N, C-alpha and C. Protein backbone atom coordinates (compact mmCIF):
# COMPACT_ATOMS: atom_id res chain seq x y z
N PRO A 1 -29.49 -33.33 -4.43
CA PRO A 1 -28.25 -33.34 -5.22
C PRO A 1 -27.32 -32.23 -4.82
N THR A 2 -26.04 -32.43 -4.98
CA THR A 2 -25.06 -31.44 -4.60
C THR A 2 -24.79 -30.44 -5.70
N SER A 3 -25.22 -30.71 -6.93
CA SER A 3 -25.01 -29.79 -8.04
C SER A 3 -26.10 -30.03 -9.07
N PRO A 4 -26.42 -29.01 -9.82
CA PRO A 4 -27.46 -29.19 -10.85
C PRO A 4 -26.99 -30.14 -11.93
N THR A 5 -27.91 -31.03 -12.38
CA THR A 5 -27.54 -32.03 -13.38
C THR A 5 -28.01 -31.66 -14.78
N SER A 6 -28.78 -30.60 -14.93
CA SER A 6 -29.28 -30.18 -16.24
C SER A 6 -29.11 -28.68 -16.36
N PRO A 7 -29.07 -28.15 -17.59
CA PRO A 7 -28.94 -26.69 -17.77
C PRO A 7 -30.03 -25.94 -17.02
N MET A 8 -29.63 -24.87 -16.34
CA MET A 8 -30.57 -24.09 -15.54
C MET A 8 -30.44 -22.62 -15.90
N SER A 9 -31.52 -21.92 -15.72
CA SER A 9 -31.50 -20.47 -15.96
C SER A 9 -30.78 -19.79 -14.79
N PRO A 10 -30.33 -18.56 -14.98
CA PRO A 10 -29.66 -17.85 -13.88
C PRO A 10 -30.52 -17.78 -12.62
N ARG A 11 -31.81 -17.60 -12.77
CA ARG A 11 -32.69 -17.53 -11.60
C ARG A 11 -32.74 -18.87 -10.88
N GLU A 12 -32.82 -19.94 -11.65
CA GLU A 12 -32.85 -21.27 -11.04
C GLU A 12 -31.53 -21.59 -10.34
N VAL A 13 -30.42 -21.15 -10.95
CA VAL A 13 -29.11 -21.36 -10.31
C VAL A 13 -29.05 -20.61 -8.99
N LEU A 14 -29.56 -19.37 -8.97
CA LEU A 14 -29.55 -18.58 -7.74
C LEU A 14 -30.40 -19.24 -6.66
N GLU A 15 -31.57 -19.75 -7.05
CA GLU A 15 -32.43 -20.42 -6.08
C GLU A 15 -31.77 -21.68 -5.54
N TRP A 16 -31.10 -22.41 -6.43
CA TRP A 16 -30.42 -23.64 -5.99
C TRP A 16 -29.29 -23.32 -5.01
N GLU A 17 -28.53 -22.25 -5.30
CA GLU A 17 -27.45 -21.85 -4.40
C GLU A 17 -27.99 -21.41 -3.05
N LEU A 18 -29.14 -20.71 -3.05
CA LEU A 18 -29.73 -20.30 -1.78
C LEU A 18 -30.18 -21.50 -0.96
N LYS A 19 -30.72 -22.51 -1.63
CA LYS A 19 -31.13 -23.72 -0.93
C LYS A 19 -29.91 -24.43 -0.32
N GLU A 20 -28.81 -24.49 -1.08
CA GLU A 20 -27.60 -25.12 -0.55
C GLU A 20 -27.07 -24.33 0.64
N GLY A 21 -27.13 -23.00 0.56
CA GLY A 21 -26.71 -22.17 1.69
C GLY A 21 -27.58 -22.38 2.91
N GLU A 22 -28.88 -22.56 2.70
CA GLU A 22 -29.79 -22.82 3.82
C GLU A 22 -29.46 -24.17 4.46
N LYS A 23 -29.11 -25.17 3.65
CA LYS A 23 -28.74 -26.48 4.21
C LYS A 23 -27.50 -26.36 5.08
N LEU A 24 -26.51 -25.61 4.59
CA LEU A 24 -25.29 -25.44 5.37
C LEU A 24 -25.57 -24.69 6.67
N SER A 25 -26.39 -23.64 6.59
CA SER A 25 -26.74 -22.89 7.80
C SER A 25 -27.49 -23.77 8.78
N HIS A 26 -28.35 -24.64 8.25
CA HIS A 26 -29.10 -25.55 9.12
C HIS A 26 -28.16 -26.53 9.82
N LYS A 27 -27.17 -27.04 9.10
CA LYS A 27 -26.22 -27.98 9.70
C LYS A 27 -25.38 -27.30 10.77
N ILE A 28 -24.93 -26.08 10.49
CA ILE A 28 -24.15 -25.34 11.48
C ILE A 28 -24.99 -25.05 12.71
N GLY A 29 -26.24 -24.62 12.48
CA GLY A 29 -27.14 -24.36 13.60
C GLY A 29 -27.41 -25.62 14.41
N LEU A 30 -27.55 -26.75 13.73
CA LEU A 30 -27.79 -28.02 14.42
C LEU A 30 -26.59 -28.41 15.27
N PHE A 31 -25.39 -28.13 14.76
CA PHE A 31 -24.16 -28.42 15.51
C PHE A 31 -24.14 -27.63 16.82
N PHE A 32 -24.41 -26.31 16.73
CA PHE A 32 -24.39 -25.49 17.94
C PHE A 32 -25.54 -25.82 18.88
N GLU A 33 -26.62 -26.36 18.34
CA GLU A 33 -27.77 -26.71 19.17
C GLU A 33 -27.51 -28.00 19.95
N ILE A 34 -26.85 -28.97 19.33
CA ILE A 34 -26.66 -30.27 19.95
C ILE A 34 -25.46 -30.28 20.89
N CYS A 35 -24.36 -29.63 20.49
CA CYS A 35 -23.10 -29.71 21.25
C CYS A 35 -23.20 -28.95 22.57
N ASP A 36 -22.51 -29.50 23.56
CA ASP A 36 -22.40 -28.85 24.87
C ASP A 36 -21.19 -27.92 24.85
N PRO A 37 -21.37 -26.61 25.05
CA PRO A 37 -20.23 -25.67 24.96
C PRO A 37 -19.10 -26.02 25.92
N ARG A 38 -19.44 -26.47 27.13
CA ARG A 38 -18.39 -26.80 28.10
C ARG A 38 -17.56 -27.99 27.63
N LYS A 39 -18.24 -28.99 27.07
CA LYS A 39 -17.51 -30.15 26.58
C LYS A 39 -16.62 -29.78 25.40
N VAL A 40 -17.12 -28.92 24.51
CA VAL A 40 -16.32 -28.47 23.38
C VAL A 40 -15.10 -27.69 23.86
N GLN A 41 -15.31 -26.82 24.86
CA GLN A 41 -14.20 -26.05 25.41
C GLN A 41 -13.17 -26.96 26.06
N ASP A 42 -13.65 -27.93 26.85
CA ASP A 42 -12.72 -28.86 27.50
C ASP A 42 -11.95 -29.67 26.47
N ALA A 43 -12.63 -30.07 25.40
CA ALA A 43 -11.96 -30.85 24.36
C ALA A 43 -10.86 -30.04 23.69
N PHE A 44 -11.15 -28.77 23.39
CA PHE A 44 -10.13 -27.92 22.77
C PHE A 44 -8.97 -27.65 23.71
N LEU A 45 -9.26 -27.48 25.00
CA LEU A 45 -8.19 -27.27 25.98
C LEU A 45 -7.30 -28.49 26.09
N ILE A 46 -7.91 -29.67 26.15
CA ILE A 46 -7.12 -30.90 26.23
C ILE A 46 -6.30 -31.10 24.98
N LEU A 47 -6.92 -30.86 23.82
CA LEU A 47 -6.20 -31.00 22.56
C LEU A 47 -5.03 -30.02 22.48
N GLY A 48 -5.25 -28.77 22.87
CA GLY A 48 -4.17 -27.79 22.83
C GLY A 48 -3.05 -28.13 23.79
N THR A 49 -3.40 -28.61 24.99
CA THR A 49 -2.38 -28.98 25.98
C THR A 49 -1.52 -30.12 25.46
N HIS A 50 -2.17 -31.12 24.88
CA HIS A 50 -1.41 -32.26 24.37
C HIS A 50 -0.54 -31.85 23.18
N CYS A 51 -1.04 -30.96 22.34
CA CYS A 51 -0.24 -30.50 21.20
C CYS A 51 1.00 -29.75 21.68
N LEU A 52 0.83 -28.87 22.67
CA LEU A 52 1.98 -28.13 23.19
C LEU A 52 2.98 -29.06 23.86
N ALA A 53 2.48 -30.06 24.60
CA ALA A 53 3.38 -31.02 25.24
C ALA A 53 4.15 -31.83 24.20
N THR A 54 3.46 -32.23 23.13
CA THR A 54 4.13 -32.99 22.07
C THR A 54 5.20 -32.14 21.39
N ILE A 55 4.88 -30.89 21.09
CA ILE A 55 5.85 -30.01 20.44
C ILE A 55 7.04 -29.76 21.36
N ALA A 56 6.79 -29.63 22.68
CA ALA A 56 7.89 -29.41 23.62
C ALA A 56 8.85 -30.59 23.63
N VAL A 57 8.29 -31.82 23.66
CA VAL A 57 9.14 -33.01 23.66
C VAL A 57 9.91 -33.12 22.34
N LEU A 58 9.22 -32.89 21.23
CA LEU A 58 9.88 -32.97 19.93
C LEU A 58 10.91 -31.87 19.76
N ASN A 59 10.67 -30.73 20.41
CA ASN A 59 11.63 -29.63 20.32
C ASN A 59 12.95 -30.02 20.97
N VAL A 60 12.89 -30.74 22.10
CA VAL A 60 14.11 -31.22 22.75
C VAL A 60 14.83 -32.22 21.85
N MET A 61 14.07 -33.13 21.22
CA MET A 61 14.67 -34.10 20.30
C MET A 61 15.29 -33.38 19.11
N PHE A 62 14.59 -32.37 18.61
CA PHE A 62 15.09 -31.61 17.47
C PHE A 62 16.41 -30.93 17.81
N ALA A 63 16.48 -30.33 19.01
CA ALA A 63 17.71 -29.66 19.44
C ALA A 63 18.85 -30.67 19.59
N ARG A 64 18.52 -31.86 20.08
CA ARG A 64 19.56 -32.89 20.23
C ARG A 64 20.11 -33.33 18.87
N ILE A 65 19.22 -33.48 17.89
CA ILE A 65 19.67 -33.88 16.56
C ILE A 65 20.51 -32.78 15.92
N ILE A 66 20.08 -31.52 16.10
CA ILE A 66 20.85 -30.40 15.55
C ILE A 66 22.24 -30.35 16.18
N SER A 67 22.31 -30.57 17.50
CA SER A 67 23.61 -30.58 18.18
C SER A 67 24.50 -31.69 17.64
N LEU A 68 23.91 -32.87 17.44
CA LEU A 68 24.68 -33.97 16.87
C LEU A 68 25.14 -33.64 15.46
N GLY A 69 24.26 -33.02 14.67
CA GLY A 69 24.61 -32.65 13.31
C GLY A 69 25.76 -31.66 13.26
N HIS A 70 25.75 -30.68 14.17
CA HIS A 70 26.85 -29.71 14.20
C HIS A 70 28.16 -30.38 14.61
N GLY A 71 28.05 -31.36 15.52
CA GLY A 71 29.26 -32.09 15.90
C GLY A 71 29.85 -32.87 14.72
N ILE A 72 28.97 -33.51 13.96
CA ILE A 72 29.44 -34.23 12.77
C ILE A 72 30.01 -33.25 11.76
N GLY A 73 29.34 -32.09 11.63
CA GLY A 73 29.83 -31.07 10.70
C GLY A 73 31.21 -30.56 11.06
N GLU A 74 31.50 -30.41 12.36
CA GLU A 74 32.83 -29.97 12.77
C GLU A 74 33.89 -30.98 12.39
N GLU A 75 33.55 -32.27 12.53
CA GLU A 75 34.51 -33.31 12.13
C GLU A 75 34.73 -33.29 10.62
N ILE A 76 33.66 -33.08 9.87
CA ILE A 76 33.80 -33.01 8.41
C ILE A 76 34.64 -31.81 8.02
N GLU A 77 34.39 -30.68 8.69
CA GLU A 77 35.15 -29.47 8.39
C GLU A 77 36.63 -29.65 8.70
N ALA A 78 36.93 -30.33 9.81
CA ALA A 78 38.34 -30.54 10.17
C ALA A 78 39.07 -31.38 9.14
N VAL A 79 38.36 -32.35 8.53
CA VAL A 79 38.99 -33.25 7.57
C VAL A 79 39.03 -32.63 6.17
N ALA A 80 37.89 -32.05 5.75
CA ALA A 80 37.77 -31.59 4.36
C ALA A 80 38.14 -30.13 4.17
N GLY A 81 38.22 -29.36 5.25
CA GLY A 81 38.47 -27.94 5.10
C GLY A 81 39.77 -27.63 4.39
N SER A 82 40.84 -28.33 4.75
CA SER A 82 42.14 -28.05 4.14
C SER A 82 42.18 -28.40 2.66
N HIS A 83 41.24 -29.25 2.20
CA HIS A 83 41.21 -29.63 0.79
C HIS A 83 40.24 -28.78 -0.02
N ILE A 84 39.17 -28.30 0.63
CA ILE A 84 38.14 -27.57 -0.10
C ILE A 84 38.47 -26.08 -0.19
N GLU A 85 39.06 -25.53 0.86
CA GLU A 85 39.36 -24.09 0.84
C GLU A 85 40.27 -23.70 -0.32
N PRO A 86 41.35 -24.46 -0.63
CA PRO A 86 42.17 -24.09 -1.80
C PRO A 86 41.38 -24.08 -3.10
N VAL A 87 40.43 -25.02 -3.22
CA VAL A 87 39.60 -25.06 -4.43
C VAL A 87 38.71 -23.81 -4.50
N LEU A 88 38.15 -23.40 -3.36
CA LEU A 88 37.34 -22.19 -3.34
C LEU A 88 38.18 -20.95 -3.65
N HIS A 89 39.43 -20.94 -3.20
CA HIS A 89 40.31 -19.81 -3.52
C HIS A 89 40.57 -19.71 -5.02
N MET A 90 40.58 -20.86 -5.70
CA MET A 90 40.78 -20.87 -7.14
C MET A 90 39.52 -20.39 -7.87
N ILE A 91 38.34 -20.66 -7.29
CA ILE A 91 37.08 -20.33 -7.94
C ILE A 91 36.67 -18.88 -7.66
N LEU A 92 36.81 -18.47 -6.39
CA LEU A 92 36.34 -17.15 -5.99
C LEU A 92 37.36 -16.06 -6.34
N PRO A 93 36.89 -14.85 -6.59
CA PRO A 93 37.82 -13.73 -6.78
C PRO A 93 38.62 -13.47 -5.50
N GLY A 94 39.76 -12.82 -5.64
CA GLY A 94 40.64 -12.60 -4.50
C GLY A 94 39.97 -11.86 -3.36
N ARG A 95 39.08 -10.90 -3.68
CA ARG A 95 38.43 -10.11 -2.63
C ARG A 95 37.37 -10.90 -1.88
N HIS A 96 37.03 -12.11 -2.37
CA HIS A 96 36.02 -12.94 -1.73
C HIS A 96 36.62 -14.15 -1.03
N HIS A 97 37.95 -14.23 -0.96
CA HIS A 97 38.58 -15.39 -0.33
C HIS A 97 38.24 -15.51 1.15
N LYS A 98 37.92 -14.39 1.78
CA LYS A 98 37.62 -14.43 3.21
C LYS A 98 36.34 -15.22 3.52
N TRP A 99 35.50 -15.43 2.48
CA TRP A 99 34.26 -16.18 2.67
C TRP A 99 34.46 -17.68 2.56
N ALA A 100 35.61 -18.14 2.13
CA ALA A 100 35.84 -19.57 1.93
C ALA A 100 35.68 -20.37 3.22
N PRO A 101 36.29 -19.97 4.35
CA PRO A 101 36.10 -20.76 5.58
C PRO A 101 34.65 -20.85 6.01
N MET A 102 33.89 -19.74 5.85
CA MET A 102 32.48 -19.77 6.25
C MET A 102 31.67 -20.70 5.35
N ILE A 103 31.98 -20.70 4.06
CA ILE A 103 31.28 -21.60 3.14
C ILE A 103 31.54 -23.05 3.52
N VAL A 104 32.81 -23.36 3.81
CA VAL A 104 33.16 -24.72 4.21
C VAL A 104 32.44 -25.10 5.50
N ARG A 105 32.38 -24.16 6.44
CA ARG A 105 31.74 -24.43 7.74
C ARG A 105 30.25 -24.72 7.57
N TYR A 106 29.56 -23.88 6.77
CA TYR A 106 28.11 -24.06 6.61
C TYR A 106 27.77 -25.30 5.80
N VAL A 107 28.57 -25.57 4.78
CA VAL A 107 28.34 -26.79 4.00
C VAL A 107 28.58 -28.03 4.86
N SER A 108 29.61 -28.00 5.67
CA SER A 108 29.90 -29.13 6.56
C SER A 108 28.79 -29.32 7.59
N SER A 109 28.29 -28.21 8.15
CA SER A 109 27.18 -28.31 9.12
C SER A 109 25.91 -28.84 8.46
N THR A 110 25.66 -28.40 7.22
CA THR A 110 24.48 -28.90 6.50
C THR A 110 24.58 -30.40 6.26
N ILE A 111 25.75 -30.84 5.83
CA ILE A 111 25.95 -32.29 5.60
C ILE A 111 25.82 -33.04 6.92
N GLY A 112 26.41 -32.50 7.99
CA GLY A 112 26.32 -33.16 9.29
C GLY A 112 24.89 -33.27 9.79
N CYS A 113 24.10 -32.20 9.66
CA CYS A 113 22.70 -32.24 10.09
C CYS A 113 21.89 -33.21 9.23
N THR A 114 22.19 -33.26 7.94
CA THR A 114 21.50 -34.21 7.07
C THR A 114 21.78 -35.65 7.50
N ILE A 115 23.04 -35.93 7.82
CA ILE A 115 23.40 -37.27 8.30
C ILE A 115 22.71 -37.58 9.61
N ALA A 116 22.67 -36.59 10.53
CA ALA A 116 22.05 -36.80 11.84
C ALA A 116 20.56 -37.07 11.69
N PHE A 117 19.87 -36.29 10.86
CA PHE A 117 18.44 -36.51 10.67
C PHE A 117 18.16 -37.85 10.00
N PHE A 118 19.02 -38.23 9.04
CA PHE A 118 18.82 -39.52 8.37
C PHE A 118 19.04 -40.67 9.35
N ALA A 119 20.08 -40.56 10.19
CA ALA A 119 20.35 -41.61 11.17
C ALA A 119 19.21 -41.71 12.19
N GLU A 120 18.70 -40.54 12.62
CA GLU A 120 17.57 -40.55 13.56
C GLU A 120 16.34 -41.17 12.91
N GLY A 121 16.12 -40.86 11.64
CA GLY A 121 15.00 -41.47 10.92
C GLY A 121 15.14 -42.97 10.81
N LEU A 122 16.37 -43.44 10.58
CA LEU A 122 16.61 -44.89 10.51
C LEU A 122 16.29 -45.55 11.85
N LEU A 123 16.73 -44.92 12.94
CA LEU A 123 16.48 -45.51 14.26
C LEU A 123 14.98 -45.59 14.55
N HIS A 124 14.25 -44.52 14.28
CA HIS A 124 12.81 -44.53 14.53
C HIS A 124 12.10 -45.51 13.60
N ALA A 125 12.55 -45.58 12.36
CA ALA A 125 11.93 -46.52 11.42
C ALA A 125 12.16 -47.96 11.86
N PHE A 126 13.38 -48.26 12.32
CA PHE A 126 13.67 -49.63 12.76
C PHE A 126 12.88 -49.96 14.02
N HIS A 127 12.77 -49.00 14.94
CA HIS A 127 11.98 -49.24 16.15
C HIS A 127 10.52 -49.50 15.80
N SER A 128 9.96 -48.70 14.89
CA SER A 128 8.57 -48.90 14.49
C SER A 128 8.39 -50.24 13.78
N ALA A 129 9.35 -50.58 12.90
CA ALA A 129 9.25 -51.85 12.17
C ALA A 129 9.35 -53.03 13.13
N LEU A 130 10.21 -52.93 14.13
CA LEU A 130 10.38 -54.02 15.09
C LEU A 130 9.13 -54.21 15.94
N ARG A 131 8.55 -53.12 16.41
CA ARG A 131 7.32 -53.23 17.19
C ARG A 131 6.17 -53.75 16.35
N GLY A 132 6.05 -53.22 15.13
CA GLY A 132 4.97 -53.68 14.25
C GLY A 132 5.13 -55.13 13.86
N GLY A 133 6.38 -55.55 13.56
CA GLY A 133 6.61 -56.94 13.20
C GLY A 133 6.31 -57.90 14.34
N THR A 134 6.70 -57.52 15.55
CA THR A 134 6.42 -58.37 16.71
C THR A 134 4.92 -58.46 16.98
N MET A 135 4.22 -57.33 16.88
CA MET A 135 2.76 -57.36 17.07
C MET A 135 2.09 -58.23 16.02
N MET A 136 2.55 -58.12 14.78
CA MET A 136 1.96 -58.91 13.70
C MET A 136 2.20 -60.40 13.92
N ALA A 137 3.42 -60.77 14.34
CA ALA A 137 3.73 -62.19 14.57
C ALA A 137 2.91 -62.74 15.73
N ARG A 138 2.79 -61.99 16.82
CA ARG A 138 2.02 -62.47 17.97
C ARG A 138 0.54 -62.59 17.65
N MET A 139 0.00 -61.65 16.89
CA MET A 139 -1.40 -61.77 16.49
C MET A 139 -1.62 -62.96 15.60
N MET A 140 -0.65 -63.27 14.74
CA MET A 140 -0.78 -64.43 13.87
C MET A 140 -0.77 -65.73 14.67
N PHE A 141 0.18 -65.83 15.64
CA PHE A 141 0.23 -67.04 16.48
C PHE A 141 -1.02 -67.14 17.36
N ARG A 142 -1.53 -66.00 17.83
CA ARG A 142 -2.74 -66.02 18.65
C ARG A 142 -3.93 -66.47 17.82
N TYR A 143 -3.98 -66.04 16.56
CA TYR A 143 -5.08 -66.46 15.69
C TYR A 143 -5.00 -67.96 15.40
N ILE A 144 -3.79 -68.47 15.14
CA ILE A 144 -3.63 -69.91 14.86
C ILE A 144 -4.01 -70.72 16.09
N ALA A 145 -3.57 -70.26 17.29
CA ALA A 145 -3.91 -70.99 18.51
C ALA A 145 -5.41 -70.99 18.76
N LYS A 146 -6.06 -69.87 18.45
CA LYS A 146 -7.51 -69.80 18.64
C LYS A 146 -8.22 -70.75 17.69
N LYS A 147 -7.74 -70.86 16.46
CA LYS A 147 -8.36 -71.79 15.50
C LYS A 147 -8.20 -73.24 15.94
N LYS A 148 -7.10 -73.54 16.64
CA LYS A 148 -6.86 -74.91 17.11
C LYS A 148 -7.45 -75.15 18.49
N GLY A 149 -8.09 -74.14 19.06
CA GLY A 149 -8.72 -74.31 20.36
C GLY A 149 -7.74 -74.34 21.51
N ARG A 150 -6.60 -73.69 21.36
CA ARG A 150 -5.59 -73.66 22.42
C ARG A 150 -5.36 -72.23 22.87
N ALA A 151 -4.82 -72.13 24.07
CA ALA A 151 -4.46 -70.81 24.60
C ALA A 151 -3.05 -70.46 24.14
N TYR A 152 -2.83 -69.22 23.86
CA TYR A 152 -1.51 -68.77 23.41
C TYR A 152 -0.88 -67.89 24.47
N ASP A 153 0.35 -68.23 24.83
CA ASP A 153 1.12 -67.43 25.78
C ASP A 153 2.45 -67.09 25.10
N GLU A 154 2.69 -65.80 24.90
CA GLU A 154 3.88 -65.36 24.19
C GLU A 154 5.17 -65.70 24.92
N ARG A 155 5.07 -66.04 26.22
CA ARG A 155 6.27 -66.40 26.98
C ARG A 155 6.69 -67.84 26.78
N ASP A 156 5.83 -68.65 26.16
CA ASP A 156 6.14 -70.07 25.98
C ASP A 156 7.02 -70.33 24.77
N SER A 157 7.15 -69.38 23.88
CA SER A 157 7.90 -69.62 22.65
C SER A 157 8.63 -68.35 22.24
N GLU A 158 9.75 -68.55 21.54
CA GLU A 158 10.50 -67.43 21.00
C GLU A 158 10.28 -67.26 19.50
N MET A 159 9.39 -68.08 18.95
CA MET A 159 9.14 -68.00 17.51
C MET A 159 8.49 -66.69 17.12
N ASP A 160 7.67 -66.12 18.02
CA ASP A 160 7.04 -64.85 17.68
C ASP A 160 8.08 -63.74 17.56
N GLU A 161 9.12 -63.77 18.44
CA GLU A 161 10.18 -62.78 18.31
C GLU A 161 10.98 -62.98 17.03
N VAL A 162 11.28 -64.25 16.70
CA VAL A 162 12.05 -64.53 15.48
C VAL A 162 11.27 -64.09 14.25
N LEU A 163 10.00 -64.46 14.20
CA LEU A 163 9.18 -64.07 13.05
C LEU A 163 8.97 -62.55 13.04
N GLY A 164 8.85 -61.95 14.24
CA GLY A 164 8.70 -60.50 14.33
C GLY A 164 9.92 -59.78 13.76
N TRP A 165 11.13 -60.30 14.05
CA TRP A 165 12.34 -59.70 13.48
C TRP A 165 12.35 -59.83 11.96
N ALA A 166 11.87 -60.97 11.46
CA ALA A 166 11.81 -61.16 10.01
C ALA A 166 10.86 -60.14 9.38
N PHE A 167 9.68 -59.98 9.98
CA PHE A 167 8.74 -58.98 9.48
C PHE A 167 9.34 -57.58 9.57
N ALA A 168 10.08 -57.31 10.65
CA ALA A 168 10.68 -55.99 10.83
C ALA A 168 11.70 -55.71 9.74
N LEU A 169 12.53 -56.70 9.41
CA LEU A 169 13.53 -56.50 8.36
C LEU A 169 12.87 -56.26 7.00
N ILE A 170 11.79 -57.01 6.74
CA ILE A 170 11.06 -56.80 5.49
C ILE A 170 10.46 -55.39 5.45
N GLY A 171 9.84 -55.00 6.57
CA GLY A 171 9.26 -53.65 6.62
C GLY A 171 10.31 -52.56 6.51
N MET A 172 11.48 -52.78 7.15
CA MET A 172 12.54 -51.80 7.07
C MET A 172 13.05 -51.66 5.64
N PHE A 173 13.20 -52.79 4.96
CA PHE A 173 13.66 -52.76 3.56
C PHE A 173 12.66 -52.01 2.68
N MET A 174 11.37 -52.23 2.92
CA MET A 174 10.35 -51.56 2.11
C MET A 174 10.36 -50.05 2.38
N GLN A 175 10.56 -49.66 3.66
CA GLN A 175 10.60 -48.22 3.96
C GLN A 175 11.79 -47.55 3.30
N ILE A 176 12.94 -48.22 3.35
CA ILE A 176 14.14 -47.64 2.72
C ILE A 176 13.96 -47.57 1.21
N SER A 177 13.34 -48.61 0.62
CA SER A 177 13.19 -48.65 -0.83
C SER A 177 12.30 -47.53 -1.36
N VAL A 178 11.35 -47.06 -0.55
CA VAL A 178 10.46 -45.97 -0.98
C VAL A 178 10.90 -44.63 -0.40
N GLY A 179 12.07 -44.60 0.24
CA GLY A 179 12.58 -43.34 0.78
C GLY A 179 11.80 -42.83 1.97
N PHE A 180 11.26 -43.74 2.79
CA PHE A 180 10.48 -43.39 3.98
C PHE A 180 9.24 -42.57 3.63
N LEU A 181 8.76 -42.72 2.40
CA LEU A 181 7.53 -42.05 1.98
C LEU A 181 6.39 -43.06 1.93
N ILE A 182 5.17 -42.58 2.04
CA ILE A 182 4.00 -43.45 1.96
C ILE A 182 3.65 -43.63 0.49
N ALA A 183 3.62 -44.89 0.06
CA ALA A 183 3.41 -45.19 -1.35
C ALA A 183 1.95 -44.95 -1.75
N PHE A 184 1.76 -44.68 -3.02
CA PHE A 184 0.43 -44.56 -3.60
C PHE A 184 -0.21 -45.94 -3.65
N PRO A 185 -1.49 -46.14 -3.36
CA PRO A 185 -2.51 -45.13 -3.06
C PRO A 185 -2.71 -44.88 -1.56
N PHE A 186 -1.83 -45.45 -0.71
CA PHE A 186 -2.03 -45.30 0.73
C PHE A 186 -1.86 -43.84 1.16
N ASN A 187 -1.06 -43.07 0.40
CA ASN A 187 -0.87 -41.66 0.77
C ASN A 187 -2.16 -40.86 0.63
N LEU A 188 -3.11 -41.36 -0.18
CA LEU A 188 -4.39 -40.68 -0.30
C LEU A 188 -5.21 -40.80 0.98
N LEU A 189 -4.95 -41.88 1.74
CA LEU A 189 -5.68 -42.10 2.99
C LEU A 189 -5.00 -41.42 4.18
N THR A 190 -3.69 -41.26 4.09
CA THR A 190 -2.93 -40.75 5.23
C THR A 190 -2.51 -39.31 5.06
N TRP A 191 -3.04 -38.59 4.06
CA TRP A 191 -2.59 -37.21 3.85
C TRP A 191 -2.89 -36.29 5.03
N PRO A 192 -3.97 -36.50 5.82
CA PRO A 192 -4.12 -35.62 6.99
C PRO A 192 -2.98 -35.78 8.00
N ILE A 193 -2.51 -37.03 8.18
CA ILE A 193 -1.39 -37.25 9.10
C ILE A 193 -0.12 -36.64 8.54
N SER A 194 0.09 -36.76 7.23
CA SER A 194 1.26 -36.15 6.60
C SER A 194 1.23 -34.63 6.74
N LEU A 195 0.04 -34.05 6.59
CA LEU A 195 -0.10 -32.59 6.76
C LEU A 195 0.20 -32.19 8.20
N LEU A 196 -0.29 -32.97 9.16
CA LEU A 196 -0.02 -32.67 10.57
C LEU A 196 1.47 -32.79 10.87
N GLU A 197 2.12 -33.81 10.30
CA GLU A 197 3.57 -33.96 10.49
C GLU A 197 4.32 -32.76 9.92
N TRP A 198 3.90 -32.28 8.76
CA TRP A 198 4.55 -31.11 8.15
C TRP A 198 4.37 -29.88 9.03
N LEU A 199 3.18 -29.69 9.60
CA LEU A 199 2.93 -28.55 10.47
C LEU A 199 3.80 -28.61 11.72
N VAL A 200 3.96 -29.81 12.28
CA VAL A 200 4.82 -29.97 13.46
C VAL A 200 6.26 -29.63 13.11
N ARG A 201 6.73 -30.07 11.94
CA ARG A 201 8.09 -29.75 11.53
C ARG A 201 8.28 -28.25 11.35
N VAL A 202 7.26 -27.58 10.81
CA VAL A 202 7.36 -26.13 10.65
C VAL A 202 7.46 -25.47 12.01
N CYS A 203 6.66 -25.93 12.98
CA CYS A 203 6.71 -25.36 14.33
C CYS A 203 8.07 -25.58 14.98
N LEU A 204 8.66 -26.74 14.74
CA LEU A 204 9.94 -27.05 15.36
C LEU A 204 11.09 -26.29 14.71
N SER A 205 10.99 -26.06 13.41
CA SER A 205 12.10 -25.44 12.69
C SER A 205 12.02 -23.92 12.66
N SER A 206 10.94 -23.35 13.18
CA SER A 206 10.82 -21.88 13.19
C SER A 206 11.64 -21.31 14.33
N PRO A 207 12.64 -20.49 14.05
CA PRO A 207 13.45 -19.93 15.12
C PRO A 207 12.69 -18.90 15.93
N HIS A 208 12.88 -18.94 17.26
CA HIS A 208 12.25 -17.99 18.19
C HIS A 208 10.75 -17.92 17.95
N LYS A 209 10.11 -19.08 17.86
CA LYS A 209 8.71 -19.12 17.47
C LYS A 209 7.77 -18.60 18.54
N TRP A 210 8.19 -18.65 19.79
CA TRP A 210 7.30 -18.17 20.84
C TRP A 210 7.84 -16.91 21.51
N HIS A 211 8.85 -16.26 20.90
CA HIS A 211 9.42 -15.06 21.51
C HIS A 211 8.63 -13.85 21.02
């Protein structure tokens, strides 16, 4: 058992905890006894190399989105600046009027980056939905053909693409309706992936992270 099921004296609790500690030590010792150190080292090296390569690629994408966001922000600032700065002059004390242009600039850049990230998310979501819908449609037609004892060739018909687009639109609508979040209870199964995604975002958003 993993925990005592009946009231125990302090001595019995201590003995039980020592037994659990011995089990853990035995499992750790068994791990080091069975595993090949060279294979473990190679696995960690490969994993680290792939992680760094993934972060490098995503870092370029991140920089591209930020650049697009700043471009959108400049356009917003050019249009809204002349209307928002007078309002800030009315709100801020006279000695703080010099901060109005900077406030407009940063707010515009924030809005622009938000739009850029949302648009990029839409593109990736649509691409994923389209690929998933097409795969689902082709697997369905392949299953039907197998049940009928026929061979299925995706080049013979365009129905799989049509049905795949339909599945993609349905999937896209569902993703938008939940705000691109994983709905309960599926998020209980995918929380390690969500945690990994959060860690990657932290690595990408940390300024001068390797300096």
